[in-house]
Amino acid sequence: MLSLETFFQDLKHSLRMFRQSWGFTLAAVSALALGIGANTAIFSVVSAVLLKPVPFPEPDRLVMFMTTFPQGQNSGASPAKFQHFREQSTVVQDGAAFRTGVVNYTGGELPEQLRSAQVSADYFKLFGAPVIRGRTFSAEEDRPNGERVAVISENLWRRRFNGDDKVIGQPLSLSGDQYTVIGVIGFSFNTEEFGPPPDVWTPFQLDPNTSDQGHY
C-alpha cells in the first residue's frame, strides 16, 4: 500500500514539474527520440552492409577486386587486368567478371527492356546460382567470338515463356542480336548486392587485348 501511495505522489510531482517546464520536457523527449532513431538507422545500415553476410556460399571467402584512382573513385578493371589477376594471384582460388546493363527484348507480342548482365563462365558456380532448367555457360562459349547463348531468370521464364520447359533451345532477340536460351536460374538467386537482379545473363567473352572496362 505504501509503495502505491509513493507511486501516485511521484506521478503528481512529475505532472506538476511537466506543467512548469513543459517546453524543456518536450525538447528533451524530442532529442531523445531523434537520438534513438539515428542510432537505429545507423545500426540498420551497419548490420546490412558490414555484419549481415551476403547470400552466397562461403561468404567469408568472397572479395571484390576493383581499381581505385588517386581521386578516390572506384571502378572496374580492364579484361586484361582481370585475366592477369586471375592467372597470377596465389591467394584467390577462382574469379568471375560481371557487367550489368539493359537490353531490348523484341520477342513475343510486346518489346520490353530487360535488365542484363554479362558474366564469365565461373560466375554461376562461384555464387551458387540454382539452375532449375538447362545449364549455364561453358568455357568455350565464354571465349571471344563464342556462341551467343543466354541464361534467363525464372521470373522472365514464367512471365514471357509461361514456364514452358521447351524454352531451352528457343531463340532470344536482345538488342538486335540473336541468342539461344540454354538455362533458367531460380528465384532464390539473390544478387541485389550488385544492383537490381538481372532478367538475362549472357557470356562476357572477355578479350584481354581490349581496353573495354568491366566490373568483377
Protein backbone atom coordinates (compact mmCIF):
# COMPACT_ATOMS: atom_id res chain seq x y z
CA MET A 1 0.00 0.00 0.00
CA LEU A 2 2.85 2.29 0.88
CA SER A 3 4.52 1.71 -2.48
CA LEU A 4 1.27 2.55 -4.32
CA GLU A 5 0.94 5.83 -2.44
CA THR A 6 4.55 6.63 -3.22
CA PHE A 7 3.89 5.94 -6.90
CA PHE A 8 0.96 8.38 -7.05
CA GLN A 9 2.95 11.01 -5.19
CA ASP A 10 5.78 10.68 -7.69
CA LEU A 11 3.29 10.82 -10.55
CA LYS A 12 1.69 14.03 -9.26
CA HIS A 13 5.10 15.55 -8.72
CA SER A 14 6.12 14.65 -12.27
CA LEU A 15 2.95 16.15 -13.74
CA ARG A 16 3.49 19.32 -11.72
CA MET A 17 7.06 19.61 -12.99
CA PHE A 18 5.88 18.96 -16.55
CA ARG A 19 3.34 21.82 -16.32
CA GLN A 20 6.02 24.15 -15.02
CA SER A 21 8.62 23.30 -17.67
CA TRP A 22 6.71 21.59 -20.48
CA GLY A 23 8.82 23.23 -23.18
CA PHE A 24 12.06 21.80 -21.84
CA THR A 25 10.45 18.39 -21.34
CA LEU A 26 9.21 18.25 -24.93
CA ALA A 27 12.62 19.31 -26.23
CA ALA A 28 14.34 16.64 -24.15
CA VAL A 29 11.91 13.94 -25.31
CA SER A 30 12.28 15.05 -28.94
CA ALA A 31 16.07 14.99 -28.69
CA LEU A 32 15.94 11.54 -27.12
CA ALA A 33 13.62 10.27 -29.86
CA LEU A 34 15.89 11.68 -32.58
CA GLY A 35 18.92 10.11 -30.95
CA ILE A 36 17.27 6.70 -30.74
CA GLY A 37 16.07 6.99 -34.34
CA ALA A 38 19.53 7.95 -35.60
CA ASN A 39 21.18 5.10 -33.71
CA THR A 40 18.61 2.65 -35.07
CA ALA A 41 19.20 3.85 -38.64
CA ILE A 42 22.99 3.63 -38.27
CA PHE A 43 22.79 0.16 -36.77
CA SER A 44 20.50 -0.99 -39.60
CA VAL A 45 22.99 0.22 -42.21
CA VAL A 46 25.99 -1.29 -40.41
CA SER A 47 24.11 -4.57 -39.94
CA ALA A 48 23.11 -4.77 -43.60
CA VAL A 49 26.48 -3.70 -45.02
CA LEU A 50 29.07 -4.99 -42.55
CA LEU A 51 27.52 -7.57 -40.24
CA LYS A 52 24.96 -9.44 -42.34
CA PRO A 53 26.70 -11.97 -44.63
CA VAL A 54 25.98 -11.83 -48.34
CA PRO A 55 23.62 -14.59 -49.56
CA PHE A 56 26.28 -16.67 -51.30
CA PRO A 57 28.15 -19.87 -50.42
CA GLU A 58 31.12 -19.30 -48.07
CA PRO A 59 30.59 -15.50 -47.93
CA ASP A 60 33.64 -15.03 -45.69
CA ARG A 61 35.85 -16.13 -48.59
CA LEU A 62 34.44 -13.69 -51.16
CA VAL A 63 36.25 -10.50 -52.11
CA MET A 64 35.59 -7.86 -54.78
CA PHE A 65 38.57 -6.64 -56.76
CA MET A 66 38.30 -3.07 -58.09
CA THR A 67 40.56 -0.33 -59.40
CA THR A 68 40.98 2.74 -57.17
CA PHE A 69 42.06 6.03 -58.70
CA PRO A 70 44.10 8.71 -56.86
CA GLN A 71 40.98 10.88 -56.72
CA GLY A 72 39.35 8.20 -54.56
CA GLN A 73 37.00 6.90 -57.24
CA ASN A 74 36.43 3.18 -57.74
CA SER A 75 35.64 1.37 -60.96
CA GLY A 76 36.00 -1.98 -62.60
CA ALA A 77 39.21 -3.06 -64.27
CA SER A 78 40.05 -3.93 -67.84
CA PRO A 79 39.70 -7.52 -69.08
CA ALA A 80 43.49 -7.69 -69.34
CA LYS A 81 43.88 -6.80 -65.65
CA PHE A 82 41.23 -9.29 -64.65
CA GLN A 83 42.88 -12.06 -66.64
CA HIS A 84 46.29 -11.22 -65.20
CA PHE A 85 44.94 -11.14 -61.65
CA ARG A 86 43.16 -14.48 -62.04
CA GLU A 87 46.23 -16.18 -63.51
CA GLN A 88 48.90 -14.65 -61.26
CA SER A 89 47.19 -14.47 -57.87
CA THR A 90 48.33 -17.07 -55.34
CA VAL A 91 45.66 -16.30 -52.74
CA VAL A 92 42.48 -16.27 -54.86
CA GLN A 93 41.13 -19.68 -55.81
CA ASP A 94 38.77 -18.50 -58.55
CA GLY A 95 37.38 -15.33 -60.04
CA ALA A 96 34.40 -14.13 -62.04
CA ALA A 97 33.74 -10.99 -64.04
CA PHE A 98 30.40 -9.27 -64.49
CA ARG A 99 28.97 -6.13 -66.04
CA THR A 100 25.35 -5.04 -65.72
CA GLY A 101 23.23 -3.09 -68.17
CA VAL A 102 19.97 -3.19 -70.11
CA VAL A 103 18.97 -4.81 -73.40
CA ASN A 104 15.90 -4.57 -75.60
CA TYR A 105 13.94 -7.79 -75.90
CA THR A 106 11.92 -7.85 -79.11
CA GLY A 107 10.49 -11.36 -78.99
CA GLY A 108 6.89 -12.12 -78.14
CA GLU A 109 3.89 -9.84 -78.56
CA LEU A 110 5.40 -6.70 -76.98
CA PRO A 111 9.00 -5.44 -76.84
CA GLU A 112 10.48 -4.98 -73.38
CA GLN A 113 13.61 -3.54 -71.83
CA LEU A 114 15.34 -6.16 -69.68
CA ARG A 115 17.99 -5.89 -67.01
CA SER A 116 21.01 -7.81 -68.25
CA ALA A 117 24.40 -8.97 -67.04
CA GLN A 118 27.44 -10.10 -68.97
CA VAL A 119 29.21 -12.67 -66.81
CA SER A 120 32.14 -15.04 -67.12
CA ALA A 121 31.53 -18.78 -67.14
CA ASP A 122 32.60 -19.25 -63.50
CA TYR A 123 30.11 -16.66 -62.23
CA PHE A 124 27.19 -19.01 -61.59
CA LYS A 125 29.30 -21.64 -59.84
CA LEU A 126 31.11 -19.06 -57.72
CA PHE A 127 27.88 -17.54 -56.41
CA GLY A 128 25.94 -20.80 -56.15
CA ALA A 129 23.25 -19.97 -58.71
CA PRO A 130 20.39 -22.53 -58.68
CA VAL A 131 19.94 -23.85 -62.22
CA ILE A 132 16.35 -25.11 -62.49
CA ARG A 133 16.33 -25.76 -66.24
CA GLY A 134 19.14 -26.45 -68.69
CA ARG A 135 22.67 -25.32 -67.88
CA THR A 136 24.96 -22.30 -67.65
CA PHE A 137 27.78 -21.20 -69.97
CA SER A 138 30.72 -23.40 -70.85
CA ALA A 139 34.29 -22.10 -71.04
CA GLU A 140 34.16 -22.40 -74.83
CA GLU A 141 31.03 -20.24 -75.04
CA ASP A 142 32.68 -17.61 -72.85
CA ARG A 143 35.60 -17.09 -75.21
CA PRO A 144 35.79 -14.22 -77.75
CA ASN A 145 33.57 -14.97 -80.76
CA GLY A 146 31.92 -17.81 -78.84
CA GLU A 147 28.33 -18.84 -79.43
CA ARG A 148 25.60 -16.38 -78.50
CA VAL A 149 23.82 -18.18 -75.69
CA ALA A 150 21.74 -16.80 -72.83
CA VAL A 151 20.56 -17.84 -69.39
CA ILE A 152 17.29 -16.28 -68.21
CA SER A 153 15.76 -15.71 -64.79
CA GLU A 154 12.85 -17.76 -63.50
CA ASN A 155 10.83 -14.54 -63.41
CA LEU A 156 11.36 -13.91 -67.14
CA TRP A 157 10.80 -17.58 -67.93
CA ARG A 158 7.40 -17.61 -66.24
CA ARG A 159 6.39 -14.14 -67.37
CA ARG A 160 7.32 -14.28 -71.05
CA PHE A 161 7.54 -18.03 -71.74
CA ASN A 162 4.71 -19.22 -69.44
CA GLY A 163 7.12 -21.54 -67.62
CA ASP A 164 7.38 -23.77 -70.70
CA ASP A 165 10.04 -26.49 -70.33
CA LYS A 166 10.64 -26.22 -74.07
CA VAL A 167 12.25 -22.80 -73.55
CA ILE A 168 15.67 -24.47 -73.76
CA GLY A 169 16.91 -24.01 -77.31
CA GLN A 170 14.47 -21.19 -78.06
CA PRO A 171 15.77 -18.04 -79.82
CA LEU A 172 16.05 -14.80 -77.85
CA SER A 173 16.41 -11.45 -79.61
CA LEU A 174 18.36 -8.97 -77.45
CA SER A 175 19.11 -5.51 -78.85
CA GLY A 176 19.09 -6.86 -82.39
CA ASP A 177 21.33 -9.87 -81.70
CA GLN A 178 20.04 -13.44 -81.71
CA TYR A 179 20.81 -15.67 -78.73
CA THR A 180 19.79 -19.20 -77.79
CA VAL A 181 18.33 -19.89 -74.35
CA ILE A 182 20.34 -22.63 -72.61
CA GLY A 183 19.26 -22.33 -68.96
CA VAL A 184 16.98 -20.86 -66.31
CA ILE A 185 18.13 -19.54 -62.91
CA GLY A 186 15.75 -19.92 -59.95
CA PHE A 187 14.06 -17.19 -57.93
CA SER A 188 16.30 -17.80 -54.91
CA PHE A 189 19.40 -16.44 -56.66
CA ASN A 190 19.82 -13.05 -54.99
CA THR A 191 22.43 -10.69 -56.45
CA GLU A 192 21.00 -7.43 -55.10
CA GLU A 193 24.43 -6.75 -53.58
CA PHE A 194 25.45 -5.80 -57.14
CA GLY A 195 22.27 -3.97 -58.13
CA PRO A 196 18.79 -4.92 -59.39
CA PRO A 197 18.51 -8.63 -60.26
CA PRO A 198 19.08 -9.36 -63.97
CA ASP A 199 16.44 -10.86 -66.24
CA VAL A 200 19.03 -12.36 -68.56
CA TRP A 201 22.72 -13.30 -68.46
CA THR A 202 25.00 -13.60 -71.48
CA PRO A 203 28.67 -14.67 -71.71
CA PHE A 204 31.18 -11.90 -71.08
CA GLN A 205 33.56 -13.36 -73.69
CA LEU A 206 36.46 -11.33 -72.32
CA ASP A 207 39.18 -10.34 -74.74
CA PRO A 208 42.41 -9.50 -72.83
CA ASN A 209 43.53 -7.36 -75.77
CA THR A 210 40.68 -4.87 -75.42
CA SER A 211 40.63 -1.80 -73.17
CA ASP A 212 36.92 -2.13 -72.51
CA GLN A 213 36.06 -1.82 -68.81
CA GLY A 214 34.11 -4.38 -66.80
CA HIS A 215 33.17 -4.96 -63.16
CA TYR A 216 34.17 -8.07 -61.30
